[in-house]
Amino acid sequence: MADNTVLNPGAGGDTIAADDVGGVKYQYVKLDVGAGGASSPVVSSLPVSGTFYQATQPISAVSLPLPSGAATEAGNLATLVARTPVAGQTTMAASRPVVIASDQSTLPVNQAGVSATGSITALNANLSTGVATANSSVALSLNGATGFSIDIRGTFVATLLIQGSVTGNDWITLSVLPIGAGLNIAQVASVTAVGAWWGNSNGLQQIRVACSAFTSGTVTPTLRAMTAAGMVFTLPAGQTSQAVSVPASTNLIGDVGTQYRANATGAALTSKFTSAATVNNALILTGARRLLGWTLTNTTASFKYFRFYNKATAPTSGESPTFMVGLPPNSTTVRQQEGGIAMTLGLGIACTGAVADTDTTVTAVADVIGAIFYI
């Protein structure tokens, strides 16, 4: 070929394959992949061989620097996977620890649903402050729960107090409501029998059942924190009213004025009076009374004197009265005493013809007529 070059022209030398490009020859070179002392030309049917084309390439990192902890990353990943549950809660040991931020604000925690139980077999010598005597109380930390319920079981002779504490050291006795239809209106401060009660605990750190008097047996209380709602009283089916018992006392619930309610009607009782030919000593009624008023008519031309006595027995002739009312001649005296006049022992009367405290001047029949009003 014209492009080829002949070595040793005229002497019959070898011909070298070449390509003439613009007067410059480029020699053709064949690839040969044979080993030393051997030839293995590369042809179109002979692919390049070797192990570098395999799907997985082995990599050795023996001499490379590894990041800190790299040798345990596989173990940490396995732990993370194991501690990530598919759904729901798991145990503390199987949970992934969480680091709380250094500026984390207060996290609200509600202990509702948590309970505590135990046995009481002794008297608590520290009912108001300090650590409770051994085996004398069962306590529950509320951690924000707004209410609690208590169930008391066992066979025992003892008195139990339901107590609460703000500080965890000082205890006050609480009033609780029995759990049961028709019973949740009367609060109690102590318990002597089995049953169940509930109460509000806003602001309290702990509640407890503590034994204030112990004779025998074993008390088994269970305390449960809960979310409390306001009390709603529901009457049992078919019941239209609920009787409320008010303890006997001389203390006033509220001073709201005259309240005449000492009998079924709430109205005053009446005692009719007509004078006799005596000093008219009489006991209208014994016991604490309230004198509300009177209407008395003097039918004569001279003064008559009506006397009231705070006594449990009938007045005697010539006895000084609690107070006296003068009745003018031929006139009617009417008095309505707002709030009444207290007669703590009983209500006695007399009527005479002269003014002295110890007067014994008798009247005639019907000199004075009228009525006394009282409850």
Protein backbone atom coordinates (compact mmCIF):
# COMPACT_ATOMS: atom_id res chain seq x y z
CA MET A 1 0.00 0.00 0.00
CA ALA A 2 1.11 3.56 -0.76
CA ASP A 3 0.91 4.47 2.88
CA ASN A 4 3.24 1.70 4.02
CA THR A 5 6.94 2.19 4.58
CA VAL A 6 9.61 -0.28 3.34
CA LEU A 7 12.67 -0.66 5.47
CA ASN A 8 16.06 -0.78 3.66
CA PRO A 9 14.67 0.26 0.31
CA GLY A 10 16.21 -1.67 -2.65
CA ALA A 11 17.52 -4.36 -0.35
CA GLY A 12 14.20 -6.04 0.09
CA GLY A 13 13.62 -4.98 3.74
CA ASP A 14 10.40 -5.44 5.77
CA THR A 15 7.30 -3.40 5.02
CA ILE A 16 5.86 -1.47 7.96
CA ALA A 17 2.14 -0.72 7.92
CA ALA A 18 1.42 2.98 8.17
CA ASP A 19 -1.20 5.56 7.45
CA ASP A 20 -0.35 8.74 5.57
CA VAL A 21 -2.24 11.66 6.95
CA GLY A 22 -1.40 14.96 5.24
CA GLY A 23 2.12 13.84 4.45
CA VAL A 24 2.72 12.50 7.92
CA LYS A 25 2.76 8.74 8.46
CA TYR A 26 1.29 7.10 11.54
CA GLN A 27 2.41 3.56 12.23
CA TYR A 28 -0.28 0.88 12.77
CA VAL A 29 0.23 -1.05 16.01
CA LYS A 30 -1.60 -4.26 17.06
CA LEU A 31 -2.38 -5.08 20.68
CA ASP A 32 -0.94 -8.22 22.14
CA VAL A 33 -1.76 -9.50 25.61
CA GLY A 34 0.56 -12.47 25.63
CA ALA A 35 2.78 -13.24 28.60
CA GLY A 36 6.62 -13.04 28.45
CA GLY A 37 8.02 -15.13 25.54
CA ALA A 38 4.50 -15.70 24.15
CA SER A 39 2.13 -13.90 21.85
CA SER A 40 -1.64 -13.54 22.19
CA PRO A 41 -2.98 -10.99 19.76
CA VAL A 42 -6.22 -9.17 20.62
CA VAL A 43 -8.88 -10.00 18.04
CA SER A 44 -12.61 -9.12 17.84
CA SER A 45 -13.66 -12.52 19.18
CA LEU A 46 -11.33 -12.41 22.21
CA PRO A 47 -12.72 -10.29 25.12
CA VAL A 48 -10.55 -8.69 27.70
CA SER A 49 -10.24 -11.13 30.61
CA GLY A 50 -9.57 -10.62 34.30
CA THR A 51 -11.41 -10.44 37.68
CA PHE A 52 -12.06 -6.69 37.74
CA TYR A 53 -15.48 -6.95 36.04
CA GLN A 54 -17.14 -9.11 38.77
CA ALA A 55 -20.35 -7.82 40.34
CA THR A 56 -18.96 -7.38 43.86
CA GLN A 57 -15.60 -5.75 44.20
CA PRO A 58 -13.64 -6.74 47.31
CA ILE A 59 -12.31 -3.73 49.20
CA SER A 60 -9.74 -3.94 51.95
CA ALA A 61 -9.74 -1.17 54.56
CA VAL A 62 -7.19 -2.71 56.89
CA SER A 63 -4.81 0.18 56.61
CA LEU A 64 -7.37 3.00 56.30
CA PRO A 65 -8.11 5.24 59.35
CA LEU A 66 -11.67 4.52 60.68
CA PRO A 67 -13.90 7.03 62.46
CA SER A 68 -14.17 6.80 66.22
CA GLY A 69 -16.56 4.02 67.27
CA ALA A 70 -16.77 2.59 63.75
CA ALA A 71 -16.01 -0.90 65.01
CA THR A 72 -19.21 -0.89 67.17
CA GLU A 73 -21.61 0.86 64.77
CA ALA A 74 -23.18 -2.42 63.69
CA GLY A 75 -23.93 -3.26 67.32
CA ASN A 76 -25.40 0.18 68.01
CA LEU A 77 -27.64 -0.06 64.97
CA ALA A 78 -28.90 -3.46 66.10
CA THR A 79 -29.64 -2.04 69.57
CA LEU A 80 -31.52 0.91 68.07
CA VAL A 81 -33.64 -1.40 65.92
CA ALA A 82 -34.34 -3.70 68.88
CA ARG A 83 -35.42 -0.74 71.06
CA THR A 84 -37.76 0.76 68.49
CA PRO A 85 -41.08 -1.05 69.00
CA VAL A 86 -43.48 -1.46 66.12
CA ALA A 87 -46.31 0.16 68.12
CA GLY A 88 -47.32 0.90 71.70
CA GLN A 89 -45.24 0.96 74.86
CA THR A 90 -42.45 -1.28 76.08
CA THR A 91 -40.39 -1.73 79.24
CA MET A 92 -37.84 0.83 80.44
CA ALA A 93 -34.94 -1.57 79.81
CA ALA A 94 -36.08 -2.10 76.23
CA SER A 95 -36.59 1.61 75.49
CA ARG A 96 -34.24 3.96 73.70
CA PRO A 97 -32.79 6.53 76.14
CA VAL A 98 -33.68 10.16 75.39
CA VAL A 99 -31.51 13.13 76.36
CA ILE A 100 -33.57 16.07 77.71
CA ALA A 101 -32.57 19.51 76.43
CA SER A 102 -30.58 21.63 78.88
CA ASP A 103 -33.23 24.39 78.68
CA GLN A 104 -36.23 22.07 78.78
CA SER A 105 -39.28 23.69 80.43
CA THR A 106 -41.31 21.83 83.05
CA LEU A 107 -43.01 18.78 81.62
CA PRO A 108 -46.55 18.16 82.92
CA VAL A 109 -46.94 14.66 84.34
CA ASN A 110 -50.22 13.13 85.46
CA GLN A 111 -50.19 10.03 87.64
CA ALA A 112 -53.84 9.15 86.99
CA GLY A 113 -54.36 5.39 87.00
CA VAL A 114 -51.42 4.58 89.28
CA SER A 115 -52.31 2.76 92.48
CA ALA A 116 -50.78 1.54 95.73
CA THR A 117 -51.87 -1.14 98.16
CA GLY A 118 -50.62 -2.61 101.42
CA SER A 119 -51.54 -3.83 104.90
CA ILE A 120 -52.15 -1.91 108.13
CA THR A 121 -51.69 -3.76 111.42
CA ALA A 122 -50.61 -1.03 113.85
CA LEU A 123 -51.46 2.39 115.25
CA ASN A 124 -49.79 5.42 113.64
CA ALA A 125 -48.14 7.49 116.35
CA ASN A 126 -47.36 10.33 113.89
CA LEU A 127 -50.75 11.32 112.49
CA SER A 128 -50.02 14.99 111.83
CA THR A 129 -46.32 15.19 111.00
CA GLY A 130 -43.23 13.07 110.47
CA VAL A 131 -42.70 9.55 109.17
CA ALA A 132 -45.57 7.15 109.82
CA THR A 133 -45.15 4.32 112.32
CA ALA A 134 -44.28 1.00 110.65
CA ASN A 135 -47.29 -0.92 109.26
CA SER A 136 -49.67 1.90 110.22
CA SER A 137 -50.37 3.56 106.84
CA VAL A 138 -50.42 3.13 103.08
CA ALA A 139 -49.50 6.19 100.97
CA LEU A 140 -49.66 7.15 97.27
CA SER A 141 -47.78 9.92 95.43
CA LEU A 142 -50.23 11.82 93.21
CA ASN A 143 -47.82 13.63 90.84
CA GLY A 144 -50.43 16.02 89.54
CA ALA A 145 -53.51 13.77 89.69
CA THR A 146 -56.53 15.84 90.71
CA GLY A 147 -58.47 13.14 92.50
CA PHE A 148 -58.25 9.77 94.20
CA SER A 149 -60.33 6.75 95.12
CA ILE A 150 -59.80 4.43 98.08
CA ASP A 151 -61.02 0.87 98.58
CA ILE A 152 -60.68 -0.62 102.09
CA ARG A 153 -60.94 -4.36 102.66
CA GLY A 154 -60.06 -6.83 105.39
CA THR A 155 -61.33 -8.00 108.77
CA PHE A 156 -60.40 -5.50 111.47
CA VAL A 157 -61.39 -3.40 114.45
CA ALA A 158 -59.75 -0.04 113.80
CA THR A 159 -60.37 3.61 112.94
CA LEU A 160 -58.80 4.94 109.75
CA LEU A 161 -58.19 8.50 108.59
CA ILE A 162 -57.91 9.60 104.95
CA GLN A 163 -55.09 12.17 104.95
CA GLY A 164 -53.36 14.43 102.44
CA SER A 165 -50.04 16.27 102.41
CA VAL A 166 -48.67 19.21 100.47
CA THR A 167 -45.12 18.89 101.83
CA GLY A 168 -44.89 15.11 102.19
CA ASN A 169 -44.19 15.55 105.90
CA ASP A 170 -47.21 17.38 107.35
CA TRP A 171 -50.58 15.60 107.15
CA ILE A 172 -54.17 16.86 107.37
CA THR A 173 -57.33 14.78 107.58
CA LEU A 174 -59.58 14.94 104.50
CA SER A 175 -63.31 14.48 104.11
CA VAL A 176 -64.24 11.93 101.46
CA LEU A 177 -67.44 10.82 99.78
CA PRO A 178 -68.70 7.22 99.84
CA ILE A 179 -68.93 5.56 96.44
CA GLY A 180 -72.38 4.09 95.91
CA ALA A 181 -75.89 4.97 94.73
CA GLY A 182 -77.66 7.36 97.07
CA LEU A 183 -74.69 7.60 99.43
CA ASN A 184 -72.51 10.24 97.83
CA ILE A 185 -73.91 13.21 99.71
CA ALA A 186 -72.57 12.68 103.23
CA GLN A 187 -68.84 13.24 103.61
CA VAL A 188 -66.89 11.32 106.23
CA ALA A 189 -63.60 12.10 107.97
CA SER A 190 -62.92 8.63 109.42
CA VAL A 191 -63.61 5.04 108.41
CA THR A 192 -64.27 2.02 110.62
CA ALA A 193 -65.57 -0.53 108.09
CA VAL A 194 -64.89 -1.84 104.59
CA GLY A 195 -66.07 0.24 101.65
CA ALA A 196 -64.96 2.64 98.92
CA TRP A 197 -64.59 6.43 98.91
CA TRP A 198 -63.32 9.20 96.62
CA GLY A 199 -62.12 12.77 96.96
CA ASN A 200 -60.46 15.74 95.26
CA SER A 201 -56.72 16.22 95.69
CA ASN A 202 -55.88 19.48 93.88
CA GLY A 203 -52.55 20.78 95.21
CA LEU A 204 -51.73 17.67 97.27
CA GLN A 205 -48.45 15.81 96.84
CA GLN A 206 -49.55 12.62 98.56
CA ILE A 207 -52.55 10.93 100.13
CA ARG A 208 -52.60 8.07 102.61
CA VAL A 209 -54.79 5.87 104.78
CA ALA A 210 -53.50 6.08 108.36
CA CYS A 211 -54.64 4.18 111.44
CA SER A 212 -55.69 6.44 114.35
CA ALA A 213 -57.00 3.63 116.59
CA PHE A 214 -56.20 -0.08 116.34
CA THR A 215 -57.56 -3.09 118.19
CA SER A 216 -57.11 -6.12 115.95
CA GLY A 217 -57.08 -7.58 112.44
CA THR A 218 -55.55 -6.47 109.14
CA VAL A 219 -56.69 -3.54 107.03
CA THR A 220 -55.99 -3.79 103.28
CA PRO A 221 -56.42 -0.40 101.59
CA THR A 222 -55.94 0.25 97.87
CA LEU A 223 -55.36 3.86 96.79
CA ARG A 224 -55.70 4.96 93.15
CA ALA A 225 -54.90 8.33 91.58
CA MET A 226 -57.42 9.60 89.06
CA THR A 227 -58.68 12.65 87.23
CA ALA A 228 -61.46 14.07 89.37
CA ALA A 229 -64.57 15.85 88.12
CA GLY A 230 -67.05 17.91 90.08
CA MET A 231 -69.50 15.94 92.16
CA VAL A 232 -72.82 15.28 90.46
CA PHE A 233 -75.48 13.89 92.78
CA THR A 234 -77.93 11.49 91.14
CA LEU A 235 -80.96 10.20 92.98
CA PRO A 236 -81.71 6.48 92.73
CA ALA A 237 -84.42 5.47 90.27
CA GLY A 238 -87.86 6.34 91.59
CA GLN A 239 -86.55 8.61 94.36
CA THR A 240 -87.59 12.26 94.22
CA SER A 241 -85.75 13.68 97.23
CA GLN A 242 -82.80 12.97 99.49
CA ALA A 243 -82.99 13.50 103.25
CA VAL A 244 -80.09 15.48 104.68
CA SER A 245 -79.25 15.13 108.37
CA VAL A 246 -77.91 18.23 110.11
CA PRO A 247 -76.02 17.54 113.39
CA ALA A 248 -77.66 18.90 116.51
CA SER A 249 -75.99 22.17 117.47
CA THR A 250 -76.59 25.62 118.86
CA ASN A 251 -74.43 27.16 116.13
CA LEU A 252 -76.19 29.26 113.50
CA ILE A 253 -75.82 28.30 109.85
CA GLY A 254 -76.79 31.82 108.86
CA ASP A 255 -78.54 34.69 110.59
CA VAL A 256 -81.21 35.45 108.01
CA GLY A 257 -83.94 36.92 110.22
CA THR A 258 -87.09 35.46 111.76
CA GLN A 259 -87.53 31.78 110.93
CA TYR A 260 -90.60 30.25 112.60
CA ARG A 261 -90.05 26.61 111.81
CA ALA A 262 -90.32 24.75 115.12
CA ASN A 263 -93.34 22.70 114.04
CA ALA A 264 -94.81 21.04 110.96
CA THR A 265 -96.59 24.17 109.69
CA GLY A 266 -93.96 26.73 110.63
CA ALA A 267 -96.71 28.90 112.19
CA ALA A 268 -97.17 30.13 115.76
CA LEU A 269 -99.06 28.13 118.37
CA THR A 270 -101.84 29.82 120.37
CA SER A 271 -102.79 29.63 124.05
CA LYS A 272 -106.18 31.22 124.83
CA PHE A 273 -106.43 33.22 128.07
CA THR A 274 -109.42 34.22 130.23
CA SER A 275 -108.72 35.45 133.75
CA ALA A 276 -110.23 33.66 136.74
CA ALA A 277 -110.83 34.88 140.27
CA THR A 278 -107.19 34.07 141.11
CA VAL A 279 -103.69 35.35 140.32
CA ASN A 280 -103.92 33.10 137.24
CA ASN A 281 -100.59 31.20 137.68
CA ALA A 282 -100.14 28.69 134.79
CA LEU A 283 -97.44 26.86 132.79
CA ILE A 284 -98.26 27.03 129.08
CA LEU A 285 -95.49 24.63 127.99
CA THR A 286 -92.18 23.37 129.33
CA GLY A 287 -88.91 23.27 127.40
CA ALA A 288 -87.17 25.91 125.29
CA ARG A 289 -89.78 28.19 123.71
CA ARG A 290 -89.96 31.37 121.68
CA LEU A 291 -92.60 33.91 122.75
CA LEU A 292 -93.79 35.61 119.56
CA GLY A 293 -96.47 37.97 120.86
CA TRP A 294 -99.88 38.43 122.49
CA THR A 295 -103.23 40.15 122.25
CA LEU A 296 -104.80 41.00 125.66
CA THR A 297 -107.91 43.04 126.43
CA ASN A 298 -108.55 44.64 129.85
CA THR A 299 -112.35 44.80 130.25
CA THR A 300 -112.27 46.78 133.52
CA ALA A 301 -111.90 50.45 134.49
CA SER A 302 -108.57 49.85 136.30
CA PHE A 303 -105.06 48.67 135.28
CA LYS A 304 -104.32 44.98 135.22
CA TYR A 305 -100.83 43.42 135.01
CA PHE A 306 -99.90 40.40 132.89
CA ARG A 307 -96.70 38.54 133.85
CA PHE A 308 -94.39 36.17 131.85
CA TYR A 309 -92.06 33.61 133.46
CA ASN A 310 -89.06 31.69 132.04
CA LYS A 311 -89.71 28.51 134.03
CA ALA A 312 -90.04 24.77 133.60
CA THR A 313 -92.76 24.68 136.27
CA ALA A 314 -95.86 26.76 136.97
CA PRO A 315 -95.19 30.09 138.74
CA THR A 316 -96.09 30.33 142.43
CA SER A 317 -98.15 33.05 144.06
CA GLY A 318 -96.02 36.13 144.78
CA GLU A 319 -93.07 35.04 142.53
CA SER A 320 -91.22 37.75 140.57
CA PRO A 321 -91.76 37.46 136.78
CA THR A 322 -89.21 37.55 133.96
CA PHE A 323 -91.07 40.62 132.68
CA MET A 324 -94.52 42.25 133.06
CA VAL A 325 -96.97 43.98 130.70
CA GLY A 326 -99.34 46.68 131.99
CA LEU A 327 -102.85 46.60 130.49
CA PRO A 328 -104.59 50.01 130.47
CA PRO A 329 -108.28 50.20 131.47
CA ASN A 330 -110.83 49.24 128.84
CA SER A 331 -108.23 48.70 126.10
CA THR A 332 -106.59 46.03 123.97
CA THR A 333 -102.81 45.55 123.87
CA VAL A 334 -101.36 43.79 120.81
CA ARG A 335 -97.70 42.88 120.49
CA GLN A 336 -95.85 40.96 117.75
CA GLN A 337 -92.22 40.39 118.73
CA GLU A 338 -89.98 40.06 115.67
CA GLY A 339 -87.64 37.13 116.16
CA GLY A 340 -89.44 36.18 119.36
CA ILE A 341 -88.41 36.28 123.03
CA ALA A 342 -86.38 33.28 124.23
CA MET A 343 -87.85 31.29 127.09
CA THR A 344 -85.14 28.67 127.57
CA LEU A 345 -86.80 26.66 130.37
CA GLY A 346 -90.50 26.98 129.64
CA LEU A 347 -93.29 29.52 129.25
CA GLY A 348 -95.28 30.47 132.39
CA ILE A 349 -97.87 33.24 132.96
CA ALA A 350 -99.84 35.06 135.69
CA CYS A 351 -102.24 38.02 135.84
CA THR A 352 -102.92 40.21 138.93
CA GLY A 353 -104.55 43.46 139.84
CA ALA A 354 -101.54 45.47 141.14
CA VAL A 355 -98.11 46.43 139.86
CA ALA A 356 -95.65 45.06 142.48
CA ASP A 357 -93.40 42.19 141.30
CA THR A 358 -94.65 39.96 144.10
CA ASP A 359 -98.29 41.16 143.91
CA THR A 360 -101.00 38.63 144.76
CA THR A 361 -104.07 40.78 144.03
CA VAL A 362 -106.59 38.49 142.37
CA THR A 363 -108.63 39.40 139.30
CA ALA A 364 -112.27 38.67 138.62
CA VAL A 365 -113.53 36.28 135.99
CA ALA A 366 -112.97 37.70 132.48
CA ASP A 367 -111.27 40.88 133.72
CA VAL A 368 -108.62 40.08 131.09
CA ILE A 369 -109.14 38.00 127.95
CA GLY A 370 -106.92 37.25 124.92
CA ALA A 371 -104.27 34.87 123.60
CA ILE A 372 -100.52 34.16 123.80
CA PHE A 373 -98.53 33.24 120.62
CA TYR A 374 -95.39 31.08 120.76
CA ILE A 375 -93.44 28.22 119.16
